[in-house]
Amino acid sequence: MMNFITEEELRSKKHVEPFTIYRMKSGEKLTPSARQYLLDQKIDIVEVSETTIKKTSYFENWVEKQLKWLGSEILLVAVELFEKDPKVVEELIKIKKHFSGKDNACSSIEEHSFIDCHGMKFEGRWLNQDDCFEISEEHLKNPKGKEMLLLHGLRSKIRGVEAGILLELHCNSKESNEALSQEILQKLYLCMNRLSQMICMGYGGEKCHKNH
């Protein structure tokens, strides 16, 4: 049975989580207005066939395992900081929700979790942004040095998964892989950017230290 995707559904989806590629699964069909909406928004349309899905199953399984691993790493840090910094733990639990599997990674961090600061703006939360400042052994002297280093460790592990996805795209680019990768990368960048904000606040309260 054909499932027709309407313009209203696409607008609602884009409002909840911005996307630059729309993956049209087998059995789906865009209404004329929905297709025109995607064209107007300069969103690429990728038709994913059953054959293509089978070819990319290895990559999807790898992504799912990596996201579950990240979720477990986040919980370990949350346990470490459970009594010392409950607010940080609360934020980590929100981030962890995106690493229970490839499907959960496509949900969004609640909007109120990401805040505007001097170095990062809300509208750029999905973009790959550099670390606010370099973390070194000097930060061990900071009263919140342990929290900062643990959060930095999580951010580095997420960057490792990012590197694996980018390598797959470079060496073995497939349309379905690219669509999945772009979705996951956006969420990885969102989580890394939120961790960067948390590290920055731990270092100097409300003051932004990006590039300082």
C-alpha atoms as a PDB file:
ATOM      1  CA  MET A   1       0.000   0.000   0.000  1.00  0.00           C
ATOM      2  CA  MET A   2       1.401   3.398  -0.997  1.00  0.00           C
ATOM      3  CA  ASN A   3       2.032   5.877   1.809  1.00  0.00           C
ATOM      4  CA  PHE A   4       1.659   9.487   0.620  1.00  0.00           C
ATOM      5  CA  ILE A   5       3.865  12.061   2.368  1.00  0.00           C
ATOM      6  CA  THR A   6       2.297  15.525   2.524  1.00  0.00           C
ATOM      7  CA  GLU A   7       3.853  18.988   2.676  1.00  0.00           C
ATOM      8  CA  GLU A   8       2.381  19.483   6.162  1.00  0.00           C
ATOM      9  CA  GLU A   9       4.157  16.355   7.434  1.00  0.00           C
ATOM     10  CA  LEU A  10       7.476  17.535   6.023  1.00  0.00           C
ATOM     11  CA  ARG A  11       7.091  21.018   7.521  1.00  0.00           C
ATOM     12  CA  SER A  12       6.332  19.505  10.921  1.00  0.00           C
ATOM     13  CA  LYS A  13       9.317  17.148  10.699  1.00  0.00           C
ATOM     14  CA  LYS A  14      11.674  19.963   9.684  1.00  0.00           C
ATOM     15  CA  HIS A  15      10.423  22.161  12.525  1.00  0.00           C
ATOM     16  CA  VAL A  16      11.231  19.445  15.087  1.00  0.00           C
ATOM     17  CA  GLU A  17      14.631  18.526  13.584  1.00  0.00           C
ATOM     18  CA  PRO A  18      16.186  20.300  10.592  1.00  0.00           C
ATOM     19  CA  PHE A  19      17.395  18.053   7.774  1.00  0.00           C
ATOM     20  CA  THR A  20      19.157  18.574   4.460  1.00  0.00           C
ATOM     21  CA  ILE A  21      18.399  15.160   2.919  1.00  0.00           C
ATOM     22  CA  TYR A  22      15.033  13.404   2.798  1.00  0.00           C
ATOM     23  CA  ARG A  23      15.216   9.617   2.526  1.00  0.00           C
ATOM     24  CA  MET A  24      12.123   8.282   0.773  1.00  0.00           C
ATOM     25  CA  LYS A  25      11.593   4.665   1.726  1.00  0.00           C
ATOM     26  CA  SER A  26      10.059   1.925  -0.376  1.00  0.00           C
ATOM     27  CA  GLY A  27       6.263   2.310  -0.426  1.00  0.00           C
ATOM     28  CA  GLU A  28       6.380   6.073   0.091  1.00  0.00           C
ATOM     29  CA  LYS A  29       5.367   8.718  -2.434  1.00  0.00           C
ATOM     30  CA  LEU A  30       5.544  12.493  -2.163  1.00  0.00           C
ATOM     31  CA  THR A  31       2.511  14.592  -2.979  1.00  0.00           C
ATOM     32  CA  PRO A  32       3.230  17.285  -5.614  1.00  0.00           C
ATOM     33  CA  SER A  33       3.208  20.043  -2.983  1.00  0.00           C
ATOM     34  CA  ALA A  34       5.514  18.006  -0.718  1.00  0.00           C
ATOM     35  CA  ARG A  35       8.039  17.486  -3.532  1.00  0.00           C
ATOM     36  CA  GLN A  36       7.916  21.195  -4.409  1.00  0.00           C
ATOM     37  CA  TYR A  37       8.456  22.098  -0.757  1.00  0.00           C
ATOM     38  CA  LEU A  38      11.630  19.994  -0.626  1.00  0.00           C
ATOM     39  CA  LEU A  39      12.867  21.551  -3.864  1.00  0.00           C
ATOM     40  CA  ASP A  40      12.161  25.064  -2.581  1.00  0.00           C
ATOM     41  CA  GLN A  41      14.037  24.295   0.646  1.00  0.00           C
ATOM     42  CA  LYS A  42      16.963  22.854  -1.395  1.00  0.00           C
ATOM     43  CA  ILE A  43      16.593  19.503   0.397  1.00  0.00           C
ATOM     44  CA  ASP A  44      17.936  16.527  -1.570  1.00  0.00           C
ATOM     45  CA  ILE A  45      15.505  13.664  -2.160  1.00  0.00           C
ATOM     46  CA  VAL A  46      17.029  10.180  -1.941  1.00  0.00           C
ATOM     47  CA  GLU A  47      14.954   7.142  -2.873  1.00  0.00           C
ATOM     48  CA  VAL A  48      16.118   4.157  -0.846  1.00  0.00           C
ATOM     49  CA  SER A  49      15.272   0.799  -2.413  1.00  0.00           C
ATOM     50  CA  GLU A  50      15.140  -2.524  -0.577  1.00  0.00           C
ATOM     51  CA  THR A  51      18.317  -3.600  -2.393  1.00  0.00           C
ATOM     52  CA  THR A  52      20.168  -0.482  -1.275  1.00  0.00           C
ATOM     53  CA  ILE A  53      19.002  -0.994   2.296  1.00  0.00           C
ATOM     54  CA  LYS A  54      20.502  -4.509   2.335  1.00  0.00           C
ATOM     55  CA  LYS A  55      23.799  -3.225   0.948  1.00  0.00           C
ATOM     56  CA  THR A  56      24.081  -0.667   3.743  1.00  0.00           C
ATOM     57  CA  SER A  57      23.055  -2.984   6.598  1.00  0.00           C
ATOM     58  CA  TYR A  58      26.685  -3.444   7.710  1.00  0.00           C
ATOM     59  CA  PHE A  59      27.219   0.301   8.006  1.00  0.00           C
ATOM     60  CA  GLU A  60      23.925   0.808   9.848  1.00  0.00           C
ATOM     61  CA  ASN A  61      24.791  -1.981  12.301  1.00  0.00           C
ATOM     62  CA  TRP A  62      28.181  -0.362  12.926  1.00  0.00           C
ATOM     63  CA  VAL A  63      26.517   3.008  13.567  1.00  0.00           C
ATOM     64  CA  GLU A  64      23.999   1.459  15.945  1.00  0.00           C
ATOM     65  CA  LYS A  65      26.727  -0.286  17.954  1.00  0.00           C
ATOM     66  CA  GLN A  66      28.783   2.920  18.148  1.00  0.00           C
ATOM     67  CA  LEU A  67      25.803   4.896  19.414  1.00  0.00           C
ATOM     68  CA  LYS A  68      25.022   2.311  22.076  1.00  0.00           C
ATOM     69  CA  TRP A  69      28.667   2.403  23.163  1.00  0.00           C
ATOM     70  CA  LEU A  70      28.527   6.193  23.454  1.00  0.00           C
ATOM     71  CA  GLY A  71      25.371   5.864  25.530  1.00  0.00           C
ATOM     72  CA  SER A  72      27.132   3.540  27.985  1.00  0.00           C
ATOM     73  CA  GLU A  73      30.123   5.915  28.204  1.00  0.00           C
ATOM     74  CA  ILE A  74      27.788   8.806  29.030  1.00  0.00           C
ATOM     75  CA  LEU A  75      26.182   6.768  31.824  1.00  0.00           C
ATOM     76  CA  LEU A  76      29.603   5.971  33.301  1.00  0.00           C
ATOM     77  CA  VAL A  77      30.428   9.674  33.487  1.00  0.00           C
ATOM     78  CA  ALA A  78      26.982  10.386  34.968  1.00  0.00           C
ATOM     79  CA  VAL A  79      27.628   7.822  37.722  1.00  0.00           C
ATOM     80  CA  GLU A  80      31.023   9.422  38.408  1.00  0.00           C
ATOM     81  CA  LEU A  81      29.439  12.865  38.836  1.00  0.00           C
ATOM     82  CA  PHE A  82      26.125  11.767  40.373  1.00  0.00           C
ATOM     83  CA  GLU A  83      26.704  13.240  43.832  1.00  0.00           C
ATOM     84  CA  LYS A  84      29.163  15.965  42.869  1.00  0.00           C
ATOM     85  CA  ASP A  85      27.180  17.803  40.164  1.00  0.00           C
ATOM     86  CA  PRO A  86      23.489  16.804  39.776  1.00  0.00           C
ATOM     87  CA  LYS A  87      22.831  19.508  37.157  1.00  0.00           C
ATOM     88  CA  VAL A  88      25.542  18.145  34.880  1.00  0.00           C
ATOM     89  CA  VAL A  89      24.165  14.629  35.363  1.00  0.00           C
ATOM     90  CA  GLU A  90      20.691  15.861  34.367  1.00  0.00           C
ATOM     91  CA  GLU A  91      22.101  17.293  31.125  1.00  0.00           C
ATOM     92  CA  LEU A  92      24.040  14.101  30.427  1.00  0.00           C
ATOM     93  CA  ILE A  93      20.878  12.007  30.753  1.00  0.00           C
ATOM     94  CA  LYS A  94      19.209  14.226  28.148  1.00  0.00           C
ATOM     95  CA  ILE A  95      22.151  13.725  25.799  1.00  0.00           C
ATOM     96  CA  LYS A  96      22.239   9.973  26.474  1.00  0.00           C
ATOM     97  CA  LYS A  97      18.747   9.560  25.025  1.00  0.00           C
ATOM     98  CA  HIS A  98      20.243  10.066  21.565  1.00  0.00           C
ATOM     99  CA  PHE A  99      22.660   7.167  21.870  1.00  0.00           C
ATOM    100  CA  SER A 100      20.398   4.185  22.510  1.00  0.00           C
ATOM    101  CA  GLY A 101      20.481   3.235  18.815  1.00  0.00           C
ATOM    102  CA  LYS A 102      20.446   4.787  15.367  1.00  0.00           C
ATOM    103  CA  ASP A 103      16.728   5.630  15.560  1.00  0.00           C
ATOM    104  CA  ASN A 104      16.982   7.445  18.885  1.00  0.00           C
ATOM    105  CA  ALA A 105      19.927   9.423  17.572  1.00  0.00           C
ATOM    106  CA  CYS A 106      17.533  11.092  15.181  1.00  0.00           C
ATOM    107  CA  SER A 107      15.532  12.662  17.990  1.00  0.00           C
ATOM    108  CA  SER A 108      16.423  16.162  19.114  1.00  0.00           C
ATOM    109  CA  ILE A 109      17.827  17.513  22.339  1.00  0.00           C
ATOM    110  CA  GLU A 110      15.106  19.566  23.998  1.00  0.00           C
ATOM    111  CA  GLU A 111      15.377  23.134  22.752  1.00  0.00           C
ATOM    112  CA  HIS A 112      15.743  24.552  26.249  1.00  0.00           C
ATOM    113  CA  SER A 113      18.910  22.493  26.772  1.00  0.00           C
ATOM    114  CA  PHE A 114      20.862  24.403  24.137  1.00  0.00           C
ATOM    115  CA  ILE A 115      21.362  28.060  24.945  1.00  0.00           C
ATOM    116  CA  ASP A 116      22.751  31.006  23.046  1.00  0.00           C
ATOM    117  CA  CYS A 117      26.236  32.078  24.095  1.00  0.00           C
ATOM    118  CA  HIS A 118      28.925  34.306  22.606  1.00  0.00           C
ATOM    119  CA  GLY A 119      30.608  31.443  20.753  1.00  0.00           C
ATOM    120  CA  MET A 120      27.619  29.301  19.769  1.00  0.00           C
ATOM    121  CA  LYS A 121      24.199  30.362  18.545  1.00  0.00           C
ATOM    122  CA  PHE A 122      21.026  28.296  18.709  1.00  0.00           C
ATOM    123  CA  GLU A 123      20.575  28.315  14.935  1.00  0.00           C
ATOM    124  CA  GLY A 124      24.065  26.807  14.524  1.00  0.00           C
ATOM    125  CA  ARG A 125      23.564  23.996  17.025  1.00  0.00           C
ATOM    126  CA  TRP A 126      23.521  21.344  14.268  1.00  0.00           C
ATOM    127  CA  LEU A 127      26.814  22.486  12.723  1.00  0.00           C
ATOM    128  CA  ASN A 128      30.334  21.184  13.303  1.00  0.00           C
ATOM    129  CA  GLN A 129      31.984  23.757  15.546  1.00  0.00           C
ATOM    130  CA  ASP A 130      35.474  23.778  17.009  1.00  0.00           C
ATOM    131  CA  ASP A 131      36.082  23.288  20.720  1.00  0.00           C
ATOM    132  CA  CYS A 132      35.719  26.522  22.678  1.00  0.00           C
ATOM    133  CA  PHE A 133      39.273  26.238  24.004  1.00  0.00           C
ATOM    134  CA  GLU A 134      42.006  23.622  24.297  1.00  0.00           C
ATOM    135  CA  ILE A 135      41.804  21.286  27.289  1.00  0.00           C
ATOM    136  CA  SER A 136      45.161  20.517  28.916  1.00  0.00           C
ATOM    137  CA  GLU A 137      46.711  19.352  32.195  1.00  0.00           C
ATOM    138  CA  GLU A 138      46.458  22.952  33.401  1.00  0.00           C
ATOM    139  CA  HIS A 139      42.736  22.468  33.872  1.00  0.00           C
ATOM    140  CA  LEU A 140      43.421  19.894  36.590  1.00  0.00           C
ATOM    141  CA  LYS A 141      43.980  22.896  38.878  1.00  0.00           C
ATOM    142  CA  ASN A 142      40.482  24.195  38.240  1.00  0.00           C
ATOM    143  CA  PRO A 143      37.934  23.454  41.019  1.00  0.00           C
ATOM    144  CA  LYS A 144      35.805  21.699  38.394  1.00  0.00           C
ATOM    145  CA  GLY A 145      38.741  20.208  36.528  1.00  0.00           C
ATOM    146  CA  LYS A 146      37.532  16.621  36.940  1.00  0.00           C
ATOM    147  CA  GLU A 147      34.108  17.397  35.496  1.00  0.00           C
ATOM    148  CA  MET A 148      35.662  19.299  32.595  1.00  0.00           C
ATOM    149  CA  LEU A 149      38.049  16.474  31.721  1.00  0.00           C
ATOM    150  CA  LEU A 150      35.327  13.823  31.912  1.00  0.00           C
ATOM    151  CA  LEU A 151      33.065  15.858  29.614  1.00  0.00           C
ATOM    152  CA  HIS A 152      35.993  16.499  27.278  1.00  0.00           C
ATOM    153  CA  GLY A 153      36.612  12.747  27.158  1.00  0.00           C
ATOM    154  CA  LEU A 154      33.001  12.166  26.081  1.00  0.00           C
ATOM    155  CA  ARG A 155      33.283  14.851  23.433  1.00  0.00           C
ATOM    156  CA  SER A 156      36.467  13.246  22.092  1.00  0.00           C
ATOM    157  CA  LYS A 157      34.776   9.839  21.851  1.00  0.00           C
ATOM    158  CA  ILE A 158      31.889  11.359  19.892  1.00  0.00           C
ATOM    159  CA  ARG A 159      34.451  12.942  17.551  1.00  0.00           C
ATOM    160  CA  GLY A 160      35.919   9.475  17.070  1.00  0.00           C
ATOM    161  CA  VAL A 161      32.559   8.152  15.860  1.00  0.00           C
ATOM    162  CA  GLU A 162      32.255  11.213  13.617  1.00  0.00           C
ATOM    163  CA  ALA A 163      35.642  10.368  12.075  1.00  0.00           C
ATOM    164  CA  GLY A 164      34.483   6.802  11.348  1.00  0.00           C
ATOM    165  CA  ILE A 165      31.354   8.035   9.586  1.00  0.00           C
ATOM    166  CA  LEU A 166      33.308  10.557   7.499  1.00  0.00           C
ATOM    167  CA  LEU A 167      35.793   7.845   6.536  1.00  0.00           C
ATOM    168  CA  GLU A 168      32.958   5.567   5.385  1.00  0.00           C
ATOM    169  CA  LEU A 169      31.548   8.373   3.255  1.00  0.00           C
ATOM    170  CA  HIS A 170      34.961   9.033   1.721  1.00  0.00           C
ATOM    171  CA  CYS A 171      35.815   5.403   0.970  1.00  0.00           C
ATOM    172  CA  ASN A 172      32.438   3.862   0.224  1.00  0.00           C
ATOM    173  CA  SER A 173      29.873   6.537  -0.533  1.00  0.00           C
ATOM    174  CA  LYS A 174      26.335   5.290  -1.198  1.00  0.00           C
ATOM    175  CA  GLU A 175      23.234   7.445  -1.367  1.00  0.00           C
ATOM    176  CA  SER A 176      21.553   5.666   1.552  1.00  0.00           C
ATOM    177  CA  ASN A 177      24.768   5.727   3.597  1.00  0.00           C
ATOM    178  CA  GLU A 178      25.083   9.441   2.922  1.00  0.00           C
ATOM    179  CA  ALA A 179      21.518  10.138   3.984  1.00  0.00           C
ATOM    180  CA  LEU A 180      21.894   8.185   7.225  1.00  0.00           C
ATOM    181  CA  SER A 181      25.294   9.726   7.891  1.00  0.00           C
ATOM    182  CA  GLN A 182      24.066  13.287   7.514  1.00  0.00           C
ATOM    183  CA  GLU A 183      21.236  12.617   9.958  1.00  0.00           C
ATOM    184  CA  ILE A 184      23.584  11.082  12.531  1.00  0.00           C
ATOM    185  CA  LEU A 185      26.313  13.699  12.051  1.00  0.00           C
ATOM    186  CA  GLN A 186      23.867  16.519  12.769  1.00  0.00           C
ATOM    187  CA  LYS A 187      22.967  14.911  16.078  1.00  0.00           C
ATOM    188  CA  LEU A 188      26.611  14.208  16.937  1.00  0.00           C
ATOM    189  CA  TYR A 189      27.458  17.871  16.328  1.00  0.00           C
ATOM    190  CA  LEU A 190      24.488  18.958  18.426  1.00  0.00           C
ATOM    191  CA  CYS A 191      25.645  16.801  21.346  1.00  0.00           C
ATOM    192  CA  MET A 192      29.288  17.868  21.003  1.00  0.00           C
ATOM    193  CA  ASN A 193      28.285  21.519  20.944  1.00  0.00           C
ATOM    194  CA  ARG A 194      26.165  21.073  24.075  1.00  0.00           C
ATOM    195  CA  LEU A 195      29.083  19.352  25.829  1.00  0.00           C
ATOM    196  CA  SER A 196      31.336  22.247  24.801  1.00  0.00           C
ATOM    197  CA  GLN A 197      28.921  24.674  26.444  1.00  0.00           C
ATOM    198  CA  MET A 198      28.855  22.572  29.614  1.00  0.00           C
ATOM    199  CA  ILE A 199      32.669  22.474  29.711  1.00  0.00           C
ATOM    200  CA  CYS A 200      32.862  26.230  29.187  1.00  0.00           C
ATOM    201  CA  MET A 201      30.405  26.893  32.009  1.00  0.00           C
ATOM    202  CA  GLY A 202      32.352  24.578  34.298  1.00  0.00           C
ATOM    203  CA  TYR A 203      35.514  26.531  33.571  1.00  0.00           C
ATOM    204  CA  GLY A 204      34.179  30.028  34.068  1.00  0.00           C
ATOM    205  CA  GLY A 205      30.545  30.098  35.096  1.00  0.00           C
ATOM    206  CA  GLU A 206      28.369  32.037  32.654  1.00  0.00           C
ATOM    207  CA  LYS A 207      31.296  33.637  30.812  1.00  0.00           C
ATOM    208  CA  CYS A 208      32.002  32.382  27.297  1.00  0.00           C
ATOM    209  CA  HIS A 209      35.623  31.329  26.734  1.00  0.00           C
ATOM    210  CA  LYS A 210      35.439  30.368  23.056  1.00  0.00           C
ATOM    211  CA  ASN A 211      38.712  31.300  21.313  1.00  0.00           C
ATOM    212  CA  HIS A 212      39.968  33.089  24.435  1.00  0.00           C
END
